[in-house]
Amino acid sequence: SKIGDPPSGQPDSTWQINSQYWKSFPYSAYLDLGRE
């Protein structure tokens, strides 16, 4: 709701991985958009 359309806002939160697990990269996630 903060980023605008087209995107222009400055979001704050990030996808965090604790530094003690950095040797375990890569990390991944996927989006389920509900339909093609």
All heavy atoms as atom14 arrays in JSON, in Angstrom:
{
  "sequence": "SKIGDPPSGQPDSTWQINSQYWKSFPYSAYLDLGRE",
  "atom14_mask": [
    [1, 1, 1, 1, 1, 1, 0, 0, 0, 0, 0, 0, 0, 0],
    [1, 1, 1, 1, 1, 1, 1, 1, 1, 0, 0, 0, 0, 0],
    [1, 1, 1, 1, 1, 1, 1, 1, 0, 0, 0, 0, 0, 0],
    [1, 1, 1, 1, 0, 0, 0, 0, 0, 0, 0, 0, 0, 0],
    [1, 1, 1, 1, 1, 1, 1, 1, 0, 0, 0, 0, 0, 0],
    [1, 1, 1, 1, 1, 1, 1, 0, 0, 0, 0, 0, 0, 0],
    [1, 1, 1, 1, 1, 1, 1, 0, 0, 0, 0, 0, 0, 0],
    [1, 1, 1, 1, 1, 1, 0, 0, 0, 0, 0, 0, 0, 0],
    [1, 1, 1, 1, 0, 0, 0, 0, 0, 0, 0, 0, 0, 0],
    [1, 1, 1, 1, 1, 1, 1, 1, 1, 0, 0, 0, 0, 0],
    [1, 1, 1, 1, 1, 1, 1, 0, 0, 0, 0, 0, 0, 0],
    [1, 1, 1, 1, 1, 1, 1, 1, 0, 0, 0, 0, 0, 0],
    [1, 1, 1, 1, 1, 1, 0, 0, 0, 0, 0, 0, 0, 0],
    [1, 1, 1, 1, 1, 1, 1, 0, 0, 0, 0, 0, 0, 0],
    [1, 1, 1, 1, 1, 1, 1, 1, 1, 1, 1, 1, 1, 1],
    [1, 1, 1, 1, 1, 1, 1, 1, 1, 0, 0, 0, 0, 0],
    [1, 1, 1, 1, 1, 1, 1, 1, 0, 0, 0, 0, 0, 0],
    [1, 1, 1, 1, 1, 1, 1, 1, 0, 0, 0, 0, 0, 0],
    [1, 1, 1, 1, 1, 1, 0, 0, 0, 0, 0, 0, 0, 0],
    [1, 1, 1, 1, 1, 1, 1, 1, 1, 0, 0, 0, 0, 0],
    [1, 1, 1, 1, 1, 1, 1, 1, 1, 1, 1, 1, 0, 0],
    [1, 1, 1, 1, 1, 1, 1, 1, 1, 1, 1, 1, 1, 1],
    [1, 1, 1, 1, 1, 1, 1, 1, 1, 0, 0, 0, 0, 0],
    [1, 1, 1, 1, 1, 1, 0, 0, 0, 0, 0, 0, 0, 0],
    [1, 1, 1, 1, 1, 1, 1, 1, 1, 1, 1, 0, 0, 0],
    [1, 1, 1, 1, 1, 1, 1, 0, 0, 0, 0, 0, 0, 0],
    [1, 1, 1, 1, 1, 1, 1, 1, 1, 1, 1, 1, 0, 0],
    [1, 1, 1, 1, 1, 1, 0, 0, 0, 0, 0, 0, 0, 0],
    [1, 1, 1, 1, 1, 0, 0, 0, 0, 0, 0, 0, 0, 0],
    [1, 1, 1, 1, 1, 1, 1, 1, 1, 1, 1, 1, 0, 0],
    [1, 1, 1, 1, 1, 1, 1, 1, 0, 0, 0, 0, 0, 0],
    [1, 1, 1, 1, 1, 1, 1, 1, 0, 0, 0, 0, 0, 0],
    [1, 1, 1, 1, 1, 1, 1, 1, 0, 0, 0, 0, 0, 0],
    [1, 1, 1, 1, 0, 0, 0, 0, 0, 0, 0, 0, 0, 0],
    [1, 1, 1, 1, 1, 1, 1, 1, 1, 1, 1, 0, 0, 0],
    [1, 1, 1, 1, 1, 1, 1, 1, 1, 0, 0, 0, 0, 0]
  ],
  "atom14_positions": [
    [[0.81, -1.22, 0.0], [0.0, 0.0, 0.0], [0.84, 1.27, 0.0], [0.33, 2.37, -0.25], [-0.93, 0.01, 1.22], [-0.18, 0.02, 2.43], [0.0, 0.0, 0.0], [0.0, 0.0, 0.0], [0.0, 0.0, 0.0], [0.0, 0.0, 0.0], [0.0, 0.0, 0.0], [0.0, 0.0, 0.0], [0.0, 0.0, 0.0], [0.0, 0.0, 0.0]],
    [[2.15, 1.14, 0.25], [3.01, 2.31, 0.36], [3.82, 2.59, -0.91], [4.37, 3.68, -1.05], [4.01, 2.12, 1.51], [3.38, 1.96, 2.88], [4.46, 1.77, 3.93], [3.89, 1.54, 5.31], [4.96, 1.34, 6.32], [0.0, 0.0, 0.0], [0.0, 0.0, 0.0], [0.0, 0.0, 0.0], [0.0, 0.0, 0.0], [0.0, 0.0, 0.0]],
    [[3.91, 1.62, -1.81], [4.91, 1.74, -2.88], [4.43, 2.56, -4.08], [5.24, 3.02, -4.88], [5.37, 0.36, -3.36], [4.21, -0.46, -3.93], [6.05, -0.38, -2.23], [4.64, -1.82, -4.48], [0.0, 0.0, 0.0], [0.0, 0.0, 0.0], [0.0, 0.0, 0.0], [0.0, 0.0, 0.0], [0.0, 0.0, 0.0], [0.0, 0.0, 0.0]],
    [[3.12, 2.73, -4.21], [2.61, 3.51, -5.34], [2.51, 2.68, -6.61], [2.9, 1.52, -6.66], [0.0, 0.0, 0.0], [0.0, 0.0, 0.0], [0.0, 0.0, 0.0], [0.0, 0.0, 0.0], [0.0, 0.0, 0.0], [0.0, 0.0, 0.0], [0.0, 0.0, 0.0], [0.0, 0.0, 0.0], [0.0, 0.0, 0.0], [0.0, 0.0, 0.0]],
    [[1.99, 3.33, -7.66], [1.79, 2.65, -8.94], [1.93, 3.68, -10.06], [1.05, 4.52, -10.21], [0.41, 2.0, -8.96], [0.15, 1.25, -10.26], [1.14, 0.87, -10.92], [-1.02, 1.06, -10.61], [0.0, 0.0, 0.0], [0.0, 0.0, 0.0], [0.0, 0.0, 0.0], [0.0, 0.0, 0.0], [0.0, 0.0, 0.0], [0.0, 0.0, 0.0]],
    [[3.02, 3.65, -10.81], [4.14, 2.71, -10.73], [4.95, 2.91, -9.45], [4.86, 3.96, -8.82], [4.98, 3.04, -11.96], [4.67, 4.47, -12.22], [3.23, 4.65, -11.86], [0.0, 0.0, 0.0], [0.0, 0.0, 0.0], [0.0, 0.0, 0.0], [0.0, 0.0, 0.0], [0.0, 0.0, 0.0], [0.0, 0.0, 0.0], [0.0, 0.0, 0.0]],
    [[5.73, 1.89, -9.05], [6.45, 1.96, -7.78], [7.36, 3.19, -7.7], [8.15, 3.45, -8.6], [7.27, 0.67, -7.79], [6.5, -0.26, -8.66], [5.94, 0.62, -9.75], [0.0, 0.0, 0.0], [0.0, 0.0, 0.0], [0.0, 0.0, 0.0], [0.0, 0.0, 0.0], [0.0, 0.0, 0.0], [0.0, 0.0, 0.0], [0.0, 0.0, 0.0]],
    [[7.24, 3.89, -6.6], [8.07, 5.07, -6.39], [8.34, 5.35, -4.92], [9.18, 6.18, -4.59], [7.41, 6.31, -7.02], [6.14, 6.54, -6.42], [0.0, 0.0, 0.0], [0.0, 0.0, 0.0], [0.0, 0.0, 0.0], [0.0, 0.0, 0.0], [0.0, 0.0, 0.0], [0.0, 0.0, 0.0], [0.0, 0.0, 0.0], [0.0, 0.0, 0.0]],
    [[7.64, 4.66, -4.04], [7.86, 4.87, -2.62], [9.16, 4.23, -2.15], [9.87, 3.58, -2.91], [0.0, 0.0, 0.0], [0.0, 0.0, 0.0], [0.0, 0.0, 0.0], [0.0, 0.0, 0.0], [0.0, 0.0, 0.0], [0.0, 0.0, 0.0], [0.0, 0.0, 0.0], [0.0, 0.0, 0.0], [0.0, 0.0, 0.0], [0.0, 0.0, 0.0]],
    [[9.47, 4.43, -0.89], [10.7, 3.87, -0.31], [10.33, 2.94, 0.84], [10.21, 3.35, 1.98], [11.62, 4.99, 0.18], [12.96, 4.49, 0.67], [13.95, 5.62, 0.9], [14.12, 6.49, 0.05], [14.6, 5.62, 2.05], [0.0, 0.0, 0.0], [0.0, 0.0, 0.0], [0.0, 0.0, 0.0], [0.0, 0.0, 0.0], [0.0, 0.0, 0.0]],
    [[10.15, 1.65, 0.55], [9.8, 0.69, 1.59], [10.95, 0.45, 2.56], [12.11, 0.72, 2.24], [9.47, -0.58, 0.79], [10.2, -0.42, -0.49], [10.26, 1.04, -0.78], [0.0, 0.0, 0.0], [0.0, 0.0, 0.0], [0.0, 0.0, 0.0], [0.0, 0.0, 0.0], [0.0, 0.0, 0.0], [0.0, 0.0, 0.0], [0.0, 0.0, 0.0]],
    [[10.62, -0.08, 3.72], [11.61, -0.22, 4.79], [12.02, -1.66, 5.07], [13.19, -1.97, 5.22], [11.06, 0.4, 6.09], [10.75, 1.88, 5.93], [11.61, 2.6, 5.39], [9.64, 2.29, 6.34], [0.0, 0.0, 0.0], [0.0, 0.0, 0.0], [0.0, 0.0, 0.0], [0.0, 0.0, 0.0], [0.0, 0.0, 0.0], [0.0, 0.0, 0.0]],
    [[11.05, -2.57, 5.19], [11.36, -3.93, 5.63], [12.02, -4.74, 4.53], [11.78, -4.53, 3.34], [10.09, -4.63, 6.12], [9.14, -4.7, 5.08], [0.0, 0.0, 0.0], [0.0, 0.0, 0.0], [0.0, 0.0, 0.0], [0.0, 0.0, 0.0], [0.0, 0.0, 0.0], [0.0, 0.0, 0.0], [0.0, 0.0, 0.0], [0.0, 0.0, 0.0]],
    [[12.86, -5.69, 4.93], [13.58, -6.54, 3.98], [13.48, -8.0, 4.39], [13.2, -8.33, 5.54], [15.07, -6.15, 3.87], [15.68, -6.29, 5.17], [15.23, -4.72, 3.39], [0.0, 0.0, 0.0], [0.0, 0.0, 0.0], [0.0, 0.0, 0.0], [0.0, 0.0, 0.0], [0.0, 0.0, 0.0], [0.0, 0.0, 0.0], [0.0, 0.0, 0.0]],
    [[13.74, -8.87, 3.45], [13.8, -10.31, 3.67], [15.1, -10.61, 4.42], [16.18, -10.53, 3.87], [13.78, -10.97, 2.3], [13.9, -12.46, 2.25], [14.11, -13.34, 3.27], [13.81, -13.26, 1.07], [14.17, -14.63, 2.82], [13.99, -14.61, 1.45], [13.61, -12.95, -0.28], [13.98, -15.66, 0.53], [13.6, -13.99, -1.2], [13.77, -15.32, -0.79]],
    [[14.96, -10.93, 5.72], [16.12, -11.08, 6.59], [16.52, -12.55, 6.74], [15.67, -13.42, 6.93], [15.8, -10.51, 7.98], [15.47, -9.03, 8.0], [16.71, -8.17, 7.95], [17.84, -8.65, 8.05], [16.52, -6.86, 7.77], [0.0, 0.0, 0.0], [0.0, 0.0, 0.0], [0.0, 0.0, 0.0], [0.0, 0.0, 0.0], [0.0, 0.0, 0.0]],
    [[17.83, -12.78, 6.65], [18.43, -14.07, 6.98], [19.51, -13.8, 8.01], [20.44, -13.03, 7.74], [19.05, -14.77, 5.75], [18.04, -14.91, 4.61], [19.63, -16.13, 6.15], [16.92, -15.87, 4.88], [0.0, 0.0, 0.0], [0.0, 0.0, 0.0], [0.0, 0.0, 0.0], [0.0, 0.0, 0.0], [0.0, 0.0, 0.0], [0.0, 0.0, 0.0]],
    [[19.41, -14.39, 9.18], [20.41, -14.16, 10.22], [21.8, -14.51, 9.71], [22.0, -15.5, 9.01], [20.07, -15.01, 11.45], [20.87, -14.6, 12.66], [22.08, -14.75, 12.72], [20.17, -14.06, 13.67], [0.0, 0.0, 0.0], [0.0, 0.0, 0.0], [0.0, 0.0, 0.0], [0.0, 0.0, 0.0], [0.0, 0.0, 0.0], [0.0, 0.0, 0.0]],
    [[22.77, -13.67, 10.04], [24.13, -13.82, 9.52], [24.76, -15.17, 9.85], [25.65, -15.64, 9.13], [25.03, -12.7, 10.03], [25.09, -12.7, 11.44], [0.0, 0.0, 0.0], [0.0, 0.0, 0.0], [0.0, 0.0, 0.0], [0.0, 0.0, 0.0], [0.0, 0.0, 0.0], [0.0, 0.0, 0.0], [0.0, 0.0, 0.0], [0.0, 0.0, 0.0]],
    [[24.3, -15.83, 10.91], [24.89, -17.14, 11.26], [24.52, -18.21, 10.23], [25.14, -19.27, 10.2], [24.42, -17.57, 12.64], [22.93, -17.83, 12.76], [22.54, -18.25, 14.16], [23.1, -19.19, 14.72], [21.58, -17.52, 14.74], [0.0, 0.0, 0.0], [0.0, 0.0, 0.0], [0.0, 0.0, 0.0], [0.0, 0.0, 0.0], [0.0, 0.0, 0.0]],
    [[23.54, -17.91, 9.35], [23.12, -18.87, 8.33], [23.54, -18.46, 6.91], [23.09, -19.05, 5.94], [21.59, -19.03, 8.36], [21.06, -19.48, 9.7], [20.19, -18.68, 10.44], [21.45, -20.71, 10.25], [19.71, -19.08, 11.67], [20.98, -21.11, 11.5], [20.11, -20.29, 12.19], [19.64, -20.69, 13.42], [0.0, 0.0, 0.0], [0.0, 0.0, 0.0]],
    [[24.42, -17.47, 6.8], [24.8, -16.98, 5.48], [25.54, -18.04, 4.66], [25.49, -18.01, 3.44], [25.65, -15.72, 5.62], [24.81, -14.51, 5.91], [23.47, -14.46, 6.14], [25.3, -13.16, 6.03], [23.06, -13.17, 6.39], [24.15, -12.35, 6.34], [26.54, -12.56, 5.93], [24.26, -10.97, 6.52], [26.64, -11.19, 6.11], [25.51, -10.41, 6.4]],
    [[26.22, -18.94, 5.32], [26.92, -20.0, 4.59], [25.95, -20.99, 3.96], [26.36, -21.83, 3.15], [27.9, -20.73, 5.52], [29.08, -19.89, 5.94], [30.07, -20.68, 6.79], [31.28, -19.83, 7.18], [32.25, -20.6, 8.01], [0.0, 0.0, 0.0], [0.0, 0.0, 0.0], [0.0, 0.0, 0.0], [0.0, 0.0, 0.0], [0.0, 0.0, 0.0]],
    [[24.66, -20.89, 4.31], [23.65, -21.81, 3.77], [22.97, -21.28, 2.51], [22.06, -21.93, 1.99], [22.58, -22.08, 4.83], [23.14, -22.64, 6.0], [0.0, 0.0, 0.0], [0.0, 0.0, 0.0], [0.0, 0.0, 0.0], [0.0, 0.0, 0.0], [0.0, 0.0, 0.0], [0.0, 0.0, 0.0], [0.0, 0.0, 0.0], [0.0, 0.0, 0.0]],
    [[23.37, -20.1, 2.03], [22.78, -19.57, 0.8], [23.06, -20.51, -0.36], [24.05, -21.24, -0.35], [23.37, -18.18, 0.51], [22.57, -17.05, 1.11], [22.68, -16.76, 2.45], [21.7, -16.32, 0.33], [21.94, -15.73, 3.0], [20.95, -15.29, 0.87], [21.07, -15.0, 2.22], [0.0, 0.0, 0.0], [0.0, 0.0, 0.0], [0.0, 0.0, 0.0]],
    [[22.14, -20.54, -1.37], [21.03, -19.61, -1.65], [19.77, -19.9, -0.82], [19.57, -21.01, -0.35], [20.77, -19.83, -3.13], [21.17, -21.24, -3.38], [22.34, -21.5, -2.47], [0.0, 0.0, 0.0], [0.0, 0.0, 0.0], [0.0, 0.0, 0.0], [0.0, 0.0, 0.0], [0.0, 0.0, 0.0], [0.0, 0.0, 0.0], [0.0, 0.0, 0.0]],
    [[18.94, -18.84, -0.7], [17.62, -18.95, -0.09], [16.59, -18.53, -1.13], [16.84, -17.65, -1.96], [17.52, -18.04, 1.14], [18.13, -18.65, 2.37], [19.51, -18.6, 2.58], [17.35, -19.3, 3.32], [20.09, -19.17, 3.71], [17.92, -19.88, 4.45], [19.29, -19.81, 4.64], [19.85, -20.38, 5.75], [0.0, 0.0, 0.0], [0.0, 0.0, 0.0]],
    [[15.43, -19.17, -1.08], [14.41, -18.89, -2.09], [13.01, -18.99, -1.51], [12.77, -19.63, -0.49], [14.56, -19.86, -3.27], [14.43, -21.2, -2.82], [0.0, 0.0, 0.0], [0.0, 0.0, 0.0], [0.0, 0.0, 0.0], [0.0, 0.0, 0.0], [0.0, 0.0, 0.0], [0.0, 0.0, 0.0], [0.0, 0.0, 0.0], [0.0, 0.0, 0.0]],
    [[12.09, -18.36, -2.21], [10.66, -18.43, -1.9], [9.91, -18.28, -3.21], [10.46, -17.79, -4.2], [10.27, -17.34, -0.92], [0.0, 0.0, 0.0], [0.0, 0.0, 0.0], [0.0, 0.0, 0.0], [0.0, 0.0, 0.0], [0.0, 0.0, 0.0], [0.0, 0.0, 0.0], [0.0, 0.0, 0.0], [0.0, 0.0, 0.0], [0.0, 0.0, 0.0]],
    [[8.66, -18.72, -3.21], [7.88, -18.55, -4.43], [6.52, -17.93, -4.12], [6.02, -18.01, -3.0], [7.72, -19.86, -5.21], [6.9, -20.93, -4.54], [5.5, -20.98, -4.69], [7.5, -21.94, -3.77], [4.75, -21.97, -4.08], [6.75, -22.92, -3.16], [5.38, -22.94, -3.32], [4.63, -23.93, -2.73], [0.0, 0.0, 0.0], [0.0, 0.0, 0.0]],
    [[5.95, -17.3, -5.15], [4.63, -16.69, -5.07], [3.62, -17.59, -5.75], [3.87, -18.09, -6.85], [4.62, -15.33, -5.76], [5.57, -14.26, -5.24], [5.58, -13.07, -6.19], [5.18, -13.82, -3.84], [0.0, 0.0, 0.0], [0.0, 0.0, 0.0], [0.0, 0.0, 0.0], [0.0, 0.0, 0.0], [0.0, 0.0, 0.0], [0.0, 0.0, 0.0]],
    [[2.49, -17.81, -5.1], [1.35, -18.49, -5.72], [0.33, -17.41, -6.05], [-0.29, -16.83, -5.15], [0.76, -19.53, -4.77], [-0.41, -20.28, -5.38], [-0.86, -19.91, -6.5], [-0.91, -21.23, -4.74], [0.0, 0.0, 0.0], [0.0, 0.0, 0.0], [0.0, 0.0, 0.0], [0.0, 0.0, 0.0], [0.0, 0.0, 0.0], [0.0, 0.0, 0.0]],
    [[0.15, -17.14, -7.33], [-0.72, -16.05, -7.78], [-2.18, -16.48, -7.94], [-3.0, -15.7, -8.42], [-0.19, -15.49, -9.1], [1.27, -15.0, -9.02], [1.76, -14.59, -10.4], [1.42, -13.87, -8.03], [0.0, 0.0, 0.0], [0.0, 0.0, 0.0], [0.0, 0.0, 0.0], [0.0, 0.0, 0.0], [0.0, 0.0, 0.0], [0.0, 0.0, 0.0]],
    [[-2.48, -17.72, -7.58], [-3.87, -18.19, -7.59], [-4.35, -18.75, -8.91], [-5.22, -19.62, -8.94], [0.0, 0.0, 0.0], [0.0, 0.0, 0.0], [0.0, 0.0, 0.0], [0.0, 0.0, 0.0], [0.0, 0.0, 0.0], [0.0, 0.0, 0.0], [0.0, 0.0, 0.0], [0.0, 0.0, 0.0], [0.0, 0.0, 0.0], [0.0, 0.0, 0.0]],
    [[-3.8, -18.28, -10.0], [-4.14, -18.77, -11.34], [-3.02, -18.33, -12.28], [-2.19, -17.5, -11.93], [-5.47, -18.18, -11.83], [-5.51, -16.67, -11.87], [-6.84, -16.15, -12.38], [-6.97, -14.7, -12.28], [-6.46, -13.82, -13.14], [-5.76, -14.27, -14.2], [-6.62, -12.53, -12.97], [0.0, 0.0, 0.0], [0.0, 0.0, 0.0], [0.0, 0.0, 0.0]],
    [[-3.0, -18.91, -13.46], [-1.97, -18.51, -14.43], [-2.19, -17.07, -14.86], [-3.32, -16.66, -15.15], [-1.99, -19.43, -15.65], [-0.88, -19.1, -16.64], [-0.79, -20.1, -17.77], [-0.14, -21.14, -17.58], [-1.37, -19.84, -18.85], [0.0, 0.0, 0.0], [0.0, 0.0, 0.0], [0.0, 0.0, 0.0], [0.0, 0.0, 0.0], [0.0, 0.0, 0.0]]
  ]
}
